[in-house]
Amino acid sequence: MHNQGMQKIRDLLTADASTPVIKRAVTDLSVLNEAYSYSKPSSFSRGMRIDLNDVTIVLISGTASIDEHGISIHVSDFRSQIQRTLKNITGLLENEGAGWRDVVRTTCYLRDIDRDYEIFNGERTAFYKQLGLDPLPASTDIQTKLCRPELLVEIEAIAMFRMQRHAAGADL
């Protein structure tokens, strides 16, 4: 039985080896501008969509409390920065036909984890609870310096979903 299972996995991995991986940049200009349009351009996409057969993977770059004009908003208001960051990620996901139920992993960067983790975890928990997420995404929280001194939190996300499920109108 084990050998049959391993063979099925090998077959899936090699079946379309000649088929190119389709990828494209992810954006939602209604909530977040493109980093390369800054006055000092930054060379990255807000996210990347990868289509592998019937599975789509969406990789969301580190996202923070930035508005559609590229301006940091909610300076010195940690809770509001978290909420705007989650809103930005939500917009990027929705533009790709995904939602938070499709998120399998997040990496969360806090400027001061000792000071802010309790508030961060409370906001994240309330957000996930409001959405009824179960299971919760895998996650790592890290203290680090962020790219702008006024930013207090930044989040990356990885979402995965099957295109047929979404085409059939499944709950996001």
Protein backbone atom coordinates (compact mmCIF):
# COMPACT_ATOMS: atom_id res chain seq x y z
CA MET A 1 0.00 0.00 0.00
CA HIS A 2 2.82 2.42 0.88
CA ASN A 3 4.50 1.82 -2.50
CA GLN A 4 1.22 2.51 -4.34
CA GLY A 5 0.80 5.81 -2.46
CA MET A 6 4.36 6.86 -3.24
CA GLN A 7 3.86 5.99 -6.90
CA LYS A 8 0.72 8.16 -7.06
CA ILE A 9 2.70 11.08 -5.62
CA ARG A 10 5.50 10.53 -8.17
CA ASP A 11 2.94 10.38 -10.98
CA LEU A 12 1.36 13.67 -9.87
CA LEU A 13 4.74 15.39 -9.67
CA THR A 14 5.94 14.20 -13.07
CA ALA A 15 2.69 14.11 -15.07
CA ASP A 16 2.97 17.66 -16.36
CA ALA A 17 6.71 18.25 -16.12
CA SER A 18 6.72 19.80 -19.59
CA THR A 19 3.88 22.22 -18.79
CA PRO A 20 5.17 25.68 -17.86
CA VAL A 21 4.26 27.15 -14.48
CA ILE A 22 1.95 30.11 -15.02
CA LYS A 23 2.69 33.07 -12.76
CA ARG A 24 1.71 36.72 -12.61
CA ALA A 25 1.84 39.68 -10.25
CA VAL A 26 -0.99 40.26 -7.76
CA THR A 27 -2.38 43.73 -7.15
CA ASP A 28 -5.38 45.65 -5.77
CA LEU A 29 -4.96 49.33 -6.55
CA SER A 30 -8.16 50.19 -4.66
CA VAL A 31 -6.37 49.57 -1.35
CA LEU A 32 -2.65 49.51 -2.06
CA ASN A 33 -0.39 51.03 -4.70
CA GLU A 34 2.46 49.25 -6.42
CA ALA A 35 5.83 49.49 -4.68
CA TYR A 36 7.60 50.25 -7.95
CA SER A 37 5.49 53.43 -8.32
CA TYR A 38 6.99 55.05 -5.20
CA SER A 39 9.06 58.19 -5.66
CA LYS A 40 11.96 55.89 -4.73
CA PRO A 41 10.79 52.69 -6.46
CA SER A 42 11.06 49.40 -4.63
CA SER A 43 11.62 46.35 -6.81
CA PHE A 44 8.97 43.82 -5.79
CA SER A 45 5.41 42.83 -6.59
CA ARG A 46 2.68 43.05 -3.95
CA GLY A 47 2.21 39.37 -4.53
CA MET A 48 2.61 36.55 -7.00
CA ARG A 49 -0.03 34.12 -8.28
CA ILE A 50 1.18 30.69 -9.37
CA ASP A 51 -1.16 28.28 -11.16
CA LEU A 52 -0.14 24.62 -11.01
CA ASN A 53 -2.64 22.41 -12.80
CA ASP A 54 -5.82 22.95 -10.76
CA VAL A 55 -4.06 24.40 -7.69
CA THR A 56 -3.41 28.12 -7.28
CA ILE A 57 -0.85 29.49 -4.85
CA VAL A 58 -0.92 33.18 -3.94
CA LEU A 59 2.18 34.60 -2.26
CA ILE A 60 1.53 37.99 -0.62
CA SER A 61 4.65 40.10 -0.04
CA GLY A 62 5.20 41.80 3.29
CA THR A 63 2.22 44.15 3.57
CA ALA A 64 1.74 47.02 6.00
CA SER A 65 -0.48 50.01 6.74
CA ILE A 66 0.05 51.68 3.36
CA ASP A 67 -2.76 53.36 1.41
CA GLU A 68 -3.55 53.37 -2.30
CA HIS A 69 -1.18 56.33 -2.79
CA GLY A 70 1.80 54.60 -1.12
CA ILE A 71 1.53 56.65 2.06
CA SER A 72 1.98 55.13 5.53
CA ILE A 73 -1.25 55.61 7.44
CA HIS A 74 -2.25 55.27 11.10
CA VAL A 75 1.20 56.39 12.25
CA SER A 76 1.63 55.63 15.99
CA ASP A 77 -1.73 53.74 16.12
CA PHE A 78 -0.73 50.08 16.36
CA ARG A 79 -4.26 48.62 16.32
CA SER A 80 -5.24 50.65 13.26
CA GLN A 81 -2.03 49.62 11.49
CA ILE A 82 -2.90 45.96 12.07
CA GLN A 83 -6.43 46.48 10.78
CA ARG A 84 -5.24 48.31 7.64
CA THR A 85 -2.62 45.63 7.00
CA LEU A 86 -5.29 42.92 7.20
CA LYS A 87 -7.55 44.98 4.91
CA ASN A 88 -4.75 45.30 2.35
CA ILE A 89 -4.07 41.56 2.40
CA THR A 90 -7.80 40.85 2.13
CA GLY A 91 -7.99 43.04 -0.99
CA LEU A 92 -5.02 41.31 -2.59
CA LEU A 93 -6.50 37.87 -1.85
CA GLU A 94 -9.97 38.81 -3.10
CA ASN A 95 -8.54 40.15 -6.37
CA GLU A 96 -7.30 36.61 -7.02
CA GLY A 97 -10.55 34.88 -6.07
CA ALA A 98 -9.18 33.82 -2.70
CA GLY A 99 -9.91 34.65 0.91
CA TRP A 100 -8.55 34.13 4.38
CA ARG A 101 -9.91 30.55 4.48
CA ASP A 102 -7.35 29.82 1.77
CA VAL A 103 -4.41 31.24 3.77
CA VAL A 104 -2.16 28.43 4.96
CA ARG A 105 0.72 30.49 6.39
CA THR A 106 1.53 33.97 7.62
CA THR A 107 4.77 35.56 8.73
CA CYS A 108 4.20 38.57 10.97
CA TYR A 109 6.88 41.17 11.60
CA LEU A 110 6.58 43.43 14.65
CA ARG A 111 8.86 46.38 15.33
CA ASP A 112 8.68 45.77 19.11
CA ILE A 113 7.40 42.29 19.92
CA ASP A 114 7.76 42.71 23.70
CA ARG A 115 5.59 45.82 23.72
CA ASP A 116 3.11 44.92 20.96
CA TYR A 117 2.63 41.15 20.77
CA GLU A 118 -0.32 40.95 23.17
CA ILE A 119 -2.25 43.62 21.25
CA PHE A 120 -1.23 42.08 17.91
CA ASN A 121 -2.33 38.59 18.91
CA GLY A 122 -5.62 39.94 20.29
CA GLU A 123 -6.43 41.77 17.03
CA ARG A 124 -5.40 38.79 14.90
CA THR A 125 -7.43 36.40 17.04
CA ALA A 126 -10.53 38.63 16.86
CA PHE A 127 -10.13 38.94 13.06
CA TYR A 128 -9.80 35.18 12.59
CA LYS A 129 -12.70 34.52 14.97
CA GLN A 130 -14.93 36.99 13.09
CA LEU A 131 -14.16 35.07 9.88
CA GLY A 132 -14.71 31.71 11.58
CA LEU A 133 -11.33 30.38 10.48
CA ASP A 134 -10.70 26.76 11.41
CA PRO A 135 -8.02 25.63 11.09
CA LEU A 136 -5.95 28.76 11.64
CA PRO A 137 -3.01 29.47 9.34
CA ALA A 138 0.44 28.35 10.39
CA SER A 139 2.32 31.44 11.52
CA THR A 140 5.60 32.83 12.75
CA ASP A 141 5.94 36.17 14.55
CA ILE A 142 9.28 37.96 14.37
CA GLN A 143 10.69 41.17 15.82
CA THR A 144 12.52 43.21 13.21
CA LYS A 145 13.21 46.65 11.84
CA LEU A 146 10.70 47.46 9.08
CA CYS A 147 11.33 49.34 5.83
CA ARG A 148 9.78 52.59 7.11
CA PRO A 149 10.38 53.87 10.64
CA GLU A 150 6.68 54.71 11.19
CA LEU A 151 5.50 51.17 10.42
CA LEU A 152 4.92 48.93 13.43
CA VAL A 153 3.68 45.71 11.76
CA GLU A 154 4.04 43.93 8.43
CA ILE A 155 2.50 40.60 7.37
CA GLU A 156 3.27 38.12 4.58
CA ALA A 157 0.71 35.46 3.58
CA ILE A 158 0.56 32.32 1.50
CA ALA A 159 -2.81 31.10 0.20
CA MET A 160 -3.60 27.89 -1.70
CA PHE A 161 -6.82 26.81 -3.35
CA ARG A 162 -8.19 24.63 -6.11
CA MET A 163 -9.53 26.63 -9.03
CA GLN A 164 -12.53 24.29 -9.57
CA ARG A 165 -13.76 24.83 -6.01
CA HIS A 166 -13.77 28.59 -6.45
CA ALA A 167 -15.31 28.37 -9.90
CA ALA A 168 -18.19 26.43 -8.34
CA GLY A 169 -18.85 29.31 -5.91
CA ALA A 170 -17.42 27.74 -2.77
CA ASP A 171 -17.31 29.87 0.37
CA LEU A 172 -14.17 31.97 0.60
